[in-house]
C-alpha cells in the first residue's frame, strides 16, 4: 500500500506531561487535558551507589564504643535541657484563693473547662429553685394520676418531682445502679 504523495505516516509521540495520554505526534495539544507539554525525551541519569572499598578498615570496637557513649551522653544532655525549657514556664495558680486557706494551689483545669462547668452548675442551681406552687401542682398531679394503689402515691410524687428537676436541669435519666463517687 502506497501513501499519497503529500501525506506522511504519523506515529504516536511522547505522552502528555499532565495526564500521560499518548496521542499523535502531529497534534500540538493533548485531546484529554488540553496541555501542550509532553514528557521530556531526555532520560535522567541513573545514579549508581559505589560500594565502599574492602581496603577500608573497620573502626576499632573500643573507638566505636567510645563514640556511642559520647553520643548518648550528648543526646541525654540535650534531652534534659529541652525538658527543662518546657518546664520553665511558671505554674498557674488557682484564682479562687478563698478556697485555699493553706496557701496558693496550682491550677490543674483550664479556664474554658471551668467556665463550662460553671454554666452547668448555674443551670442545675436554677432547676432547684422551683416555685412552691409549681412543685405542689406536680405532686398533686402525680398523686391523682394513679389512684389504684394508695401505697405508691408518695413514690409517684417523688418520681414526678425528680423527673421535673432533671428535665429543667437538662440531666438525662440514668437507668441502672449509680456508682458512688470515689474521693
N, C-alpha and C. Protein backbone atom coordinates (compact mmCIF):
# COMPACT_ATOMS: atom_id res chain seq x y z
N UNK A 1 0.83 -1.18 0.00
CA UNK A 1 0.00 0.00 0.00
C UNK A 1 0.87 1.24 0.00
N UNK A 2 0.65 2.08 -0.91
CA UNK A 2 1.43 3.31 -1.01
C UNK A 2 0.63 4.46 -0.43
N UNK A 3 1.32 5.39 0.18
CA UNK A 3 0.65 6.56 0.74
C UNK A 3 0.62 7.65 -0.32
N UNK A 4 -0.39 8.48 -0.28
CA UNK A 4 -0.43 9.58 -1.24
C UNK A 4 0.83 10.43 -1.12
N UNK A 5 1.17 11.15 -2.19
CA UNK A 5 2.43 11.87 -2.27
C UNK A 5 2.59 12.92 -1.18
N UNK A 6 1.54 13.61 -0.78
CA UNK A 6 1.67 14.71 0.20
C UNK A 6 1.54 14.26 1.64
N UNK A 7 1.04 13.05 1.90
CA UNK A 7 0.82 12.61 3.27
C UNK A 7 1.93 11.68 3.72
N UNK A 8 2.34 11.90 4.91
CA UNK A 8 3.40 11.12 5.50
C UNK A 8 2.79 10.36 6.68
N UNK A 9 3.12 9.08 6.90
CA UNK A 9 2.53 8.36 8.04
C UNK A 9 2.94 9.01 9.36
N UNK A 10 1.96 9.11 10.27
CA UNK A 10 2.20 9.75 11.57
C UNK A 10 2.11 8.69 12.65
N UNK A 11 3.08 8.69 13.52
CA UNK A 11 3.06 7.76 14.65
C UNK A 11 2.69 8.49 15.94
N UNK A 12 2.71 7.74 17.00
CA UNK A 12 2.42 8.36 18.29
C UNK A 12 3.65 9.08 18.80
N UNK A 13 3.43 10.22 19.42
CA UNK A 13 4.52 10.98 20.01
C UNK A 13 4.68 10.60 21.47
N UNK A 14 5.37 11.41 22.21
CA UNK A 14 5.56 11.17 23.64
C UNK A 14 4.25 11.45 24.37
N UNK A 15 4.06 10.85 25.54
CA UNK A 15 2.79 11.06 26.26
C UNK A 15 2.70 12.47 26.84
N UNK A 16 1.48 12.86 27.18
CA UNK A 16 1.20 14.15 27.78
C UNK A 16 1.86 14.22 29.16
N UNK A 17 2.39 15.36 29.51
CA UNK A 17 3.07 15.53 30.79
C UNK A 17 2.09 15.47 31.96
N UNK A 18 0.89 15.97 31.75
CA UNK A 18 -0.08 16.06 32.83
C UNK A 18 -0.87 14.77 33.04
N UNK A 19 -1.47 14.24 31.99
CA UNK A 19 -2.37 13.08 32.14
C UNK A 19 -1.78 11.78 31.60
N UNK A 20 -0.58 11.82 31.00
CA UNK A 20 0.14 10.66 30.50
C UNK A 20 -0.59 9.93 29.36
N UNK A 21 -1.40 10.64 28.62
CA UNK A 21 -2.12 10.06 27.49
C UNK A 21 -1.24 10.15 26.24
N UNK A 22 -1.16 9.05 25.49
CA UNK A 22 -0.44 9.06 24.22
C UNK A 22 -1.37 9.59 23.14
N UNK A 23 -0.85 10.47 22.29
CA UNK A 23 -1.62 10.96 21.15
C UNK A 23 -0.67 11.21 19.99
N UNK A 24 -1.23 11.43 18.81
CA UNK A 24 -0.43 11.52 17.57
C UNK A 24 0.63 12.60 17.69
N UNK A 25 1.74 12.34 17.01
CA UNK A 25 2.89 13.24 17.09
C UNK A 25 2.61 14.58 16.41
N UNK A 26 1.72 14.63 15.44
CA UNK A 26 1.47 15.88 14.74
C UNK A 26 0.42 16.75 15.44
N UNK A 27 -0.21 16.26 16.51
CA UNK A 27 -1.19 17.04 17.26
C UNK A 27 -0.43 17.85 18.32
N UNK A 28 -0.71 19.14 18.38
CA UNK A 28 0.04 20.01 19.28
C UNK A 28 -0.52 20.05 20.70
N UNK A 29 -1.83 19.80 20.88
CA UNK A 29 -2.48 19.91 22.19
C UNK A 29 -3.07 18.56 22.57
N UNK A 30 -2.91 18.16 23.82
CA UNK A 30 -3.46 16.89 24.31
C UNK A 30 -4.99 16.91 24.17
N UNK A 31 -5.60 15.91 23.55
CA UNK A 31 -7.05 15.91 23.37
C UNK A 31 -7.80 15.68 24.69
N UNK A 32 -7.14 15.20 25.74
CA UNK A 32 -7.81 14.90 27.00
C UNK A 32 -7.80 16.12 27.93
N UNK A 33 -6.58 16.64 28.19
CA UNK A 33 -6.49 17.71 29.20
C UNK A 33 -6.07 19.05 28.62
N UNK A 34 -5.91 19.14 27.32
CA UNK A 34 -5.59 20.37 26.59
C UNK A 34 -4.24 20.98 26.98
N UNK A 35 -3.30 20.16 27.44
CA UNK A 35 -1.97 20.63 27.79
C UNK A 35 -1.08 20.51 26.56
N UNK A 36 -0.18 21.49 26.37
CA UNK A 36 0.71 21.46 25.21
C UNK A 36 2.04 20.79 25.51
N UNK A 37 2.31 20.48 26.74
CA UNK A 37 3.60 19.89 27.12
C UNK A 37 3.54 18.37 27.09
N UNK A 38 4.67 17.79 26.68
CA UNK A 38 4.80 16.34 26.66
C UNK A 38 5.93 15.94 27.60
N UNK A 39 5.98 14.65 27.91
CA UNK A 39 7.05 14.12 28.75
C UNK A 39 8.37 14.35 28.06
N UNK A 40 9.38 14.72 28.83
CA UNK A 40 10.70 15.01 28.26
C UNK A 40 11.34 13.75 27.72
N UNK A 41 11.94 13.81 26.51
CA UNK A 41 12.57 12.62 25.94
C UNK A 41 13.93 12.33 26.58
N UNK A 42 14.46 13.28 27.36
CA UNK A 42 15.76 13.07 27.99
C UNK A 42 15.55 12.23 29.24
N UNK A 43 16.28 11.17 29.35
CA UNK A 43 16.17 10.27 30.49
C UNK A 43 17.13 10.74 31.57
N UNK A 44 16.65 10.80 32.81
CA UNK A 44 17.51 11.21 33.91
C UNK A 44 18.56 10.14 34.14
N UNK A 45 19.80 10.55 34.35
CA UNK A 45 20.85 9.55 34.57
C UNK A 45 20.62 8.79 35.86
N UNK A 46 20.89 7.51 35.82
CA UNK A 46 20.72 6.66 36.98
C UNK A 46 21.98 6.73 37.83
N UNK A 47 21.81 7.02 39.09
CA UNK A 47 22.95 7.08 39.99
C UNK A 47 23.27 5.69 40.50
N UNK A 48 24.51 5.37 40.43
CA UNK A 48 24.93 4.09 40.96
C UNK A 48 25.67 4.33 42.26
N UNK A 49 25.36 3.53 43.25
CA UNK A 49 25.99 3.66 44.54
C UNK A 49 27.26 2.82 44.52
N UNK A 50 28.34 3.48 44.83
CA UNK A 50 29.62 2.79 44.84
C UNK A 50 29.79 2.15 46.20
N UNK A 51 30.04 0.88 46.20
CA UNK A 51 30.24 0.17 47.46
C UNK A 51 31.58 0.58 48.05
N UNK A 52 31.65 0.68 49.37
CA UNK A 52 32.92 1.07 49.97
C UNK A 52 33.98 0.01 49.67
N UNK A 53 35.14 0.51 49.49
CA UNK A 53 36.24 -0.40 49.15
C UNK A 53 36.53 -1.32 50.32
N UNK A 54 36.87 -2.53 50.00
CA UNK A 54 37.15 -3.52 51.04
C UNK A 54 38.44 -3.19 51.76
N UNK A 55 39.24 -2.30 51.17
CA UNK A 55 40.52 -1.97 51.79
C UNK A 55 40.34 -1.08 53.01
N UNK A 56 39.17 -0.39 53.11
CA UNK A 56 38.96 0.46 54.27
C UNK A 56 38.83 -0.43 55.51
N UNK A 57 39.45 0.01 56.55
CA UNK A 57 39.42 -0.78 57.78
C UNK A 57 38.16 -0.46 58.56
N UNK A 58 37.62 -1.45 59.23
CA UNK A 58 36.51 -1.21 60.13
C UNK A 58 37.08 -0.59 61.40
N UNK A 59 36.32 0.34 62.01
CA UNK A 59 36.86 1.01 63.20
C UNK A 59 37.04 0.02 64.35
N UNK A 60 37.95 0.39 65.21
CA UNK A 60 38.23 -0.42 66.39
C UNK A 60 36.98 -0.45 67.28
N UNK A 61 36.67 -1.58 67.88
CA UNK A 61 35.48 -1.72 68.73
C UNK A 61 35.53 -0.76 69.91
N UNK A 62 36.67 -0.54 70.49
CA UNK A 62 36.79 0.37 71.62
C UNK A 62 36.49 1.80 71.18
N UNK A 63 36.98 2.18 70.01
CA UNK A 63 36.71 3.53 69.49
C UNK A 63 35.23 3.68 69.18
N UNK A 64 34.65 2.66 68.57
CA UNK A 64 33.23 2.69 68.26
C UNK A 64 32.38 2.79 69.52
N UNK A 65 32.74 2.06 70.55
CA UNK A 65 32.00 2.10 71.82
C UNK A 65 32.14 3.47 72.48
N UNK A 66 33.35 4.07 72.41
CA UNK A 66 33.56 5.40 72.98
C UNK A 66 32.70 6.44 72.25
N UNK A 67 32.60 6.32 70.92
CA UNK A 67 31.76 7.24 70.15
C UNK A 67 30.29 7.08 70.52
N UNK A 68 29.84 5.86 70.70
CA UNK A 68 28.45 5.62 71.11
C UNK A 68 28.17 6.25 72.46
N UNK A 69 29.06 6.04 73.41
CA UNK A 69 28.87 6.60 74.76
C UNK A 69 28.83 8.12 74.71
N UNK A 70 29.73 8.74 73.95
CA UNK A 70 29.76 10.19 73.83
C UNK A 70 28.46 10.69 73.20
N UNK A 71 28.00 9.99 72.15
CA UNK A 71 26.73 10.38 71.51
C UNK A 71 25.57 10.29 72.49
N UNK A 72 25.49 9.20 73.25
CA UNK A 72 24.40 9.03 74.21
C UNK A 72 24.44 10.10 75.29
N UNK A 73 25.65 10.44 75.78
CA UNK A 73 25.76 11.50 76.80
C UNK A 73 25.27 12.83 76.24
N UNK A 74 25.69 13.16 75.03
CA UNK A 74 25.27 14.42 74.41
C UNK A 74 23.77 14.44 74.17
N UNK A 75 23.23 13.30 73.72
CA UNK A 75 21.79 13.22 73.46
C UNK A 75 20.99 13.38 74.74
N UNK A 76 21.42 12.73 75.81
CA UNK A 76 20.72 12.86 77.10
C UNK A 76 20.80 14.28 77.62
N UNK A 77 21.94 14.93 77.45
CA UNK A 77 22.09 16.32 77.89
C UNK A 77 21.13 17.23 77.12
N UNK A 78 21.03 17.03 75.81
CA UNK A 78 20.10 17.82 75.01
C UNK A 78 18.66 17.56 75.42
N UNK A 79 18.35 16.31 75.70
CA UNK A 79 17.00 15.95 76.10
C UNK A 79 16.64 16.61 77.43
N UNK A 80 17.55 16.58 78.38
CA UNK A 80 17.29 17.19 79.68
C UNK A 80 17.15 18.71 79.58
N UNK A 81 17.97 19.35 78.77
CA UNK A 81 17.85 20.81 78.63
C UNK A 81 16.56 21.18 77.94
N UNK A 82 16.12 20.38 76.96
CA UNK A 82 14.85 20.70 76.29
C UNK A 82 13.68 20.50 77.24
N UNK A 83 13.74 19.49 78.11
CA UNK A 83 12.67 19.28 79.09
C UNK A 83 12.65 20.40 80.10
N UNK A 84 13.81 20.89 80.49
CA UNK A 84 13.87 21.98 81.46
C UNK A 84 13.31 23.25 80.85
N UNK A 85 13.52 23.46 79.56
CA UNK A 85 12.98 24.64 78.91
C UNK A 85 11.46 24.57 78.86
N UNK A 86 10.91 23.40 78.64
CA UNK A 86 9.46 23.25 78.61
C UNK A 86 8.88 23.49 79.99
N UNK A 87 9.54 23.00 81.02
CA UNK A 87 9.03 23.13 82.38
C UNK A 87 9.32 24.50 82.99
N UNK A 88 10.09 25.34 82.30
CA UNK A 88 10.48 26.61 82.88
C UNK A 88 9.33 27.60 82.97
N UNK A 89 8.19 27.33 82.31
CA UNK A 89 7.06 28.23 82.43
C UNK A 89 6.49 28.12 83.84
N UNK A 90 6.18 29.25 84.46
CA UNK A 90 5.70 29.20 85.84
C UNK A 90 4.32 28.55 85.91
N UNK A 91 4.08 27.77 86.96
CA UNK A 91 2.76 27.14 87.09
C UNK A 91 1.70 28.20 87.38
N UNK A 92 0.53 27.98 86.85
CA UNK A 92 -0.58 28.90 87.05
C UNK A 92 -1.26 28.57 88.37
N UNK A 93 -1.48 29.59 89.18
CA UNK A 93 -2.12 29.38 90.47
C UNK A 93 -3.62 29.50 90.34
N UNK A 94 -4.31 28.87 91.27
CA UNK A 94 -5.78 28.91 91.30
C UNK A 94 -6.24 30.34 91.56
N UNK A 95 -7.27 30.76 90.85
CA UNK A 95 -7.79 32.11 91.02
C UNK A 95 -8.75 32.23 92.19
N UNK A 96 -9.15 31.11 92.76
CA UNK A 96 -10.07 31.10 93.90
C UNK A 96 -9.26 30.96 95.20
N UNK A 97 -8.56 32.00 95.58
CA UNK A 97 -7.71 31.95 96.78
C UNK A 97 -8.54 31.73 98.04
N UNK A 98 -9.80 32.13 98.04
CA UNK A 98 -10.64 31.97 99.23
C UNK A 98 -10.91 30.50 99.55
N UNK A 99 -10.70 29.62 98.59
CA UNK A 99 -10.92 28.19 98.83
C UNK A 99 -9.68 27.48 99.35
N UNK A 100 -8.55 28.17 99.41
CA UNK A 100 -7.29 27.55 99.83
C UNK A 100 -6.69 28.33 100.99
N UNK A 101 -7.02 27.92 102.21
CA UNK A 101 -6.51 28.62 103.37
C UNK A 101 -5.02 28.33 103.59
N UNK A 102 -4.55 27.16 103.18
CA UNK A 102 -3.17 26.76 103.43
C UNK A 102 -2.19 27.55 102.56
N UNK A 103 -2.62 28.08 101.46
CA UNK A 103 -1.73 28.80 100.56
C UNK A 103 -2.18 28.61 99.13
N UNK A 104 -1.38 29.12 98.22
CA UNK A 104 -1.73 29.01 96.81
C UNK A 104 -1.63 27.57 96.32
N UNK A 105 -2.57 27.17 95.49
CA UNK A 105 -2.57 25.86 94.86
C UNK A 105 -2.43 26.07 93.35
N UNK A 106 -1.75 25.15 92.70
CA UNK A 106 -1.62 25.26 91.25
C UNK A 106 -2.92 24.85 90.58
N UNK A 107 -3.24 25.55 89.51
CA UNK A 107 -4.46 25.25 88.76
C UNK A 107 -4.21 24.04 87.87
N UNK A 108 -5.15 23.11 87.88
CA UNK A 108 -4.98 21.90 87.07
C UNK A 108 -6.06 21.77 86.01
N UNK A 109 -7.03 22.67 85.97
CA UNK A 109 -8.09 22.63 84.98
C UNK A 109 -8.06 23.96 84.22
N UNK A 110 -8.19 23.92 82.92
CA UNK A 110 -8.12 25.14 82.13
C UNK A 110 -9.36 26.00 82.36
N UNK A 111 -9.25 27.27 82.05
CA UNK A 111 -10.31 28.22 82.31
C UNK A 111 -11.56 27.93 81.48
N UNK A 112 -11.39 27.45 80.26
CA UNK A 112 -12.55 27.13 79.42
C UNK A 112 -13.38 26.02 80.04
N UNK A 113 -12.71 25.00 80.61
CA UNK A 113 -13.43 23.91 81.27
C UNK A 113 -14.13 24.41 82.53
N UNK A 114 -13.46 25.29 83.26
CA UNK A 114 -14.07 25.85 84.46
C UNK A 114 -15.32 26.65 84.09
N UNK A 115 -15.24 27.45 83.04
CA UNK A 115 -16.39 28.23 82.60
C UNK A 115 -17.55 27.32 82.18
N UNK A 116 -17.22 26.24 81.47
CA UNK A 116 -18.26 25.29 81.05
C UNK A 116 -18.93 24.64 82.27
N UNK A 117 -18.13 24.22 83.22
CA UNK A 117 -18.69 23.60 84.42
C UNK A 117 -19.50 24.61 85.24
N UNK A 118 -19.06 25.87 85.27
CA UNK A 118 -19.82 26.89 85.99
C UNK A 118 -21.19 27.10 85.35
N UNK A 119 -21.25 27.06 84.02
CA UNK A 119 -22.55 27.18 83.35
C UNK A 119 -23.47 26.02 83.72
N UNK A 120 -22.90 24.79 83.76
CA UNK A 120 -23.70 23.63 84.14
C UNK A 120 -24.21 23.76 85.58
N UNK A 121 -23.35 24.24 86.49
CA UNK A 121 -23.75 24.41 87.88
C UNK A 121 -24.86 25.45 87.98
N UNK A 122 -24.75 26.53 87.21
CA UNK A 122 -25.79 27.56 87.23
C UNK A 122 -27.14 26.99 86.77
N UNK A 123 -27.11 26.14 85.73
CA UNK A 123 -28.36 25.54 85.24
C UNK A 123 -28.95 24.60 86.30
N UNK A 124 -28.09 23.79 86.92
CA UNK A 124 -28.58 22.88 87.96
C UNK A 124 -29.15 23.66 89.15
N UNK A 125 -28.48 24.72 89.52
CA UNK A 125 -28.96 25.53 90.64
C UNK A 125 -30.29 26.20 90.30
N UNK A 126 -30.43 26.65 89.08
CA UNK A 126 -31.69 27.26 88.65
C UNK A 126 -32.82 26.24 88.68
N UNK A 127 -32.51 24.99 88.34
CA UNK A 127 -33.54 23.95 88.37
C UNK A 127 -34.02 23.69 89.79
N UNK A 128 -33.13 23.84 90.77
CA UNK A 128 -33.52 23.61 92.16
C UNK A 128 -34.39 24.74 92.72
N UNK A 129 -34.38 25.87 92.08
CA UNK A 129 -35.21 27.00 92.52
C UNK A 129 -36.61 26.88 91.94
N UNK A 130 -37.24 25.75 92.15
CA UNK A 130 -38.59 25.53 91.66
C UNK A 130 -39.58 26.24 92.59
N UNK A 131 -40.57 26.82 92.00
CA UNK A 131 -41.58 27.55 92.76
C UNK A 131 -42.43 26.57 93.58
N UNK A 132 -42.82 26.95 94.79
CA UNK A 132 -43.61 26.09 95.68
C UNK A 132 -44.94 25.72 95.02
N UNK A 133 -45.54 26.66 94.34
CA UNK A 133 -46.83 26.40 93.70
C UNK A 133 -46.66 25.35 92.57
N UNK A 134 -45.58 25.48 91.79
CA UNK A 134 -45.32 24.51 90.72
C UNK A 134 -45.04 23.12 91.30
N UNK A 135 -44.26 23.07 92.38
CA UNK A 135 -43.93 21.78 93.00
C UNK A 135 -45.18 21.12 93.56
N UNK A 136 -46.02 21.88 94.19
CA UNK A 136 -47.24 21.29 94.75
C UNK A 136 -48.17 20.82 93.64
N UNK A 137 -48.21 21.53 92.52
CA UNK A 137 -49.03 21.11 91.39
C UNK A 137 -48.51 19.79 90.82
N UNK A 138 -47.19 19.64 90.73
CA UNK A 138 -46.59 18.41 90.22
C UNK A 138 -46.93 17.25 91.15
N UNK A 139 -46.83 17.48 92.47
CA UNK A 139 -47.15 16.43 93.45
C UNK A 139 -48.62 16.06 93.35
N UNK A 140 -49.49 17.06 93.26
CA UNK A 140 -50.93 16.83 93.18
C UNK A 140 -51.27 15.97 91.96
N UNK A 141 -50.69 16.34 90.80
CA UNK A 141 -50.98 15.59 89.58
C UNK A 141 -50.45 14.17 89.66
N UNK A 142 -49.30 13.99 90.30
CA UNK A 142 -48.71 12.66 90.41
C UNK A 142 -49.54 11.77 91.34
N UNK A 143 -50.06 12.36 92.44
CA UNK A 143 -50.85 11.58 93.40
C UNK A 143 -52.16 11.14 92.76
N UNK A 144 -52.79 12.04 92.04
CA UNK A 144 -54.09 11.72 91.49
C UNK A 144 -54.01 11.05 90.12
N UNK A 145 -52.80 10.89 89.57
CA UNK A 145 -52.67 10.24 88.27
C UNK A 145 -52.95 8.75 88.37
N UNK A 146 -52.57 8.13 89.51
CA UNK A 146 -52.79 6.70 89.68
C UNK A 146 -53.38 6.47 91.06
N UNK A 147 -54.69 6.39 91.16
CA UNK A 147 -55.37 6.20 92.45
C UNK A 147 -55.64 4.74 92.75
N UNK A 148 -55.20 3.85 91.88
CA UNK A 148 -55.50 2.44 92.08
C UNK A 148 -54.69 1.86 93.24
N UNK A 149 -53.48 2.35 93.49
CA UNK A 149 -52.64 1.82 94.57
C UNK A 149 -52.24 2.98 95.46
N UNK A 150 -52.84 3.03 96.66
CA UNK A 150 -52.58 4.16 97.57
C UNK A 150 -51.18 4.10 98.18
N UNK A 151 -50.52 2.94 98.15
CA UNK A 151 -49.17 2.85 98.74
C UNK A 151 -48.12 3.46 97.82
N UNK A 152 -48.45 3.71 96.57
CA UNK A 152 -47.48 4.25 95.64
C UNK A 152 -47.61 5.75 95.43
N UNK A 153 -48.47 6.41 96.14
CA UNK A 153 -48.68 7.84 95.91
C UNK A 153 -47.42 8.64 96.23
N UNK A 154 -46.74 8.29 97.34
CA UNK A 154 -45.51 9.01 97.69
C UNK A 154 -44.42 8.75 96.65
N UNK A 155 -44.33 7.50 96.19
CA UNK A 155 -43.35 7.17 95.15
C UNK A 155 -43.64 7.94 93.86
N UNK A 156 -44.90 7.99 93.48
CA UNK A 156 -45.28 8.71 92.27
C UNK A 156 -44.94 10.20 92.39
N UNK A 157 -45.21 10.78 93.54
CA UNK A 157 -44.93 12.20 93.75
C UNK A 157 -43.42 12.46 93.71
N UNK A 158 -42.63 11.59 94.36
CA UNK A 158 -41.18 11.76 94.37
C UNK A 158 -40.61 11.62 92.97
N UNK A 159 -41.07 10.62 92.23
CA UNK A 159 -40.61 10.43 90.85
C UNK A 159 -40.97 11.63 89.97
N UNK A 160 -42.16 12.13 90.16
CA UNK A 160 -42.60 13.27 89.34
C UNK A 160 -41.74 14.49 89.63
N UNK A 161 -41.43 14.76 90.91
CA UNK A 161 -40.58 15.91 91.25
C UNK A 161 -39.16 15.73 90.71
N UNK A 162 -38.60 14.55 90.89
CA UNK A 162 -37.24 14.31 90.39
C UNK A 162 -37.17 14.42 88.88
N UNK A 163 -38.17 13.89 88.20
CA UNK A 163 -38.20 13.98 86.74
C UNK A 163 -38.30 15.42 86.27
N UNK A 164 -39.09 16.22 86.96
CA UNK A 164 -39.22 17.63 86.60
C UNK A 164 -37.90 18.38 86.81
N UNK A 165 -37.23 18.09 87.93
CA UNK A 165 -35.93 18.72 88.20
C UNK A 165 -34.90 18.31 87.16
N UNK A 166 -34.88 17.02 86.82
CA UNK A 166 -33.94 16.55 85.79
C UNK A 166 -34.21 17.23 84.45
N UNK A 167 -35.48 17.35 84.10
CA UNK A 167 -35.85 17.97 82.83
C UNK A 167 -35.40 19.43 82.80
N UNK A 168 -35.61 20.15 83.88
CA UNK A 168 -35.22 21.55 83.93
C UNK A 168 -33.70 21.72 83.92
N UNK A 169 -32.99 20.78 84.55
CA UNK A 169 -31.53 20.87 84.61
C UNK A 169 -30.86 20.31 83.37
N UNK A 170 -31.61 19.62 82.52
CA UNK A 170 -31.02 19.05 81.32
C UNK A 170 -30.23 17.78 81.60
N UNK A 171 -30.55 17.10 82.70
CA UNK A 171 -29.86 15.86 83.06
C UNK A 171 -30.66 14.71 82.49
N UNK A 172 -29.98 13.79 81.84
CA UNK A 172 -30.66 12.65 81.25
C UNK A 172 -30.95 11.61 82.34
N UNK A 173 -31.97 10.84 82.11
CA UNK A 173 -32.36 9.79 83.05
C UNK A 173 -31.34 8.67 83.00
N UNK A 174 -30.90 8.22 84.16
CA UNK A 174 -29.96 7.10 84.20
C UNK A 174 -30.74 5.84 84.54
N UNK A 175 -30.48 4.81 83.79
CA UNK A 175 -31.12 3.53 84.03
C UNK A 175 -30.06 2.59 84.55
N UNK A 176 -30.21 2.11 85.74
CA UNK A 176 -29.24 1.20 86.33
C UNK A 176 -28.77 1.71 87.67
N UNK A 177 -27.80 1.02 88.23
CA UNK A 177 -27.28 1.36 89.54
C UNK A 177 -26.26 2.47 89.41
N UNK A 178 -26.45 3.52 90.19
CA UNK A 178 -25.48 4.61 90.19
C UNK A 178 -24.32 4.24 91.09
N UNK A 179 -23.11 4.49 90.62
CA UNK A 179 -21.91 4.20 91.40
C UNK A 179 -21.57 5.42 92.25
N UNK A 180 -21.22 5.24 93.53
CA UNK A 180 -20.82 6.40 94.33
C UNK A 180 -19.47 6.92 93.84
N UNK A 181 -19.32 8.23 93.91
CA UNK A 181 -18.05 8.84 93.50
C UNK A 181 -16.98 8.52 94.53
N UNK A 182 -15.79 8.17 94.06
CA UNK A 182 -14.70 7.89 94.99
C UNK A 182 -13.88 9.16 95.18
N UNK A 183 -13.39 9.34 96.37
CA UNK A 183 -12.60 10.54 96.67
C UNK A 183 -11.16 10.35 96.35
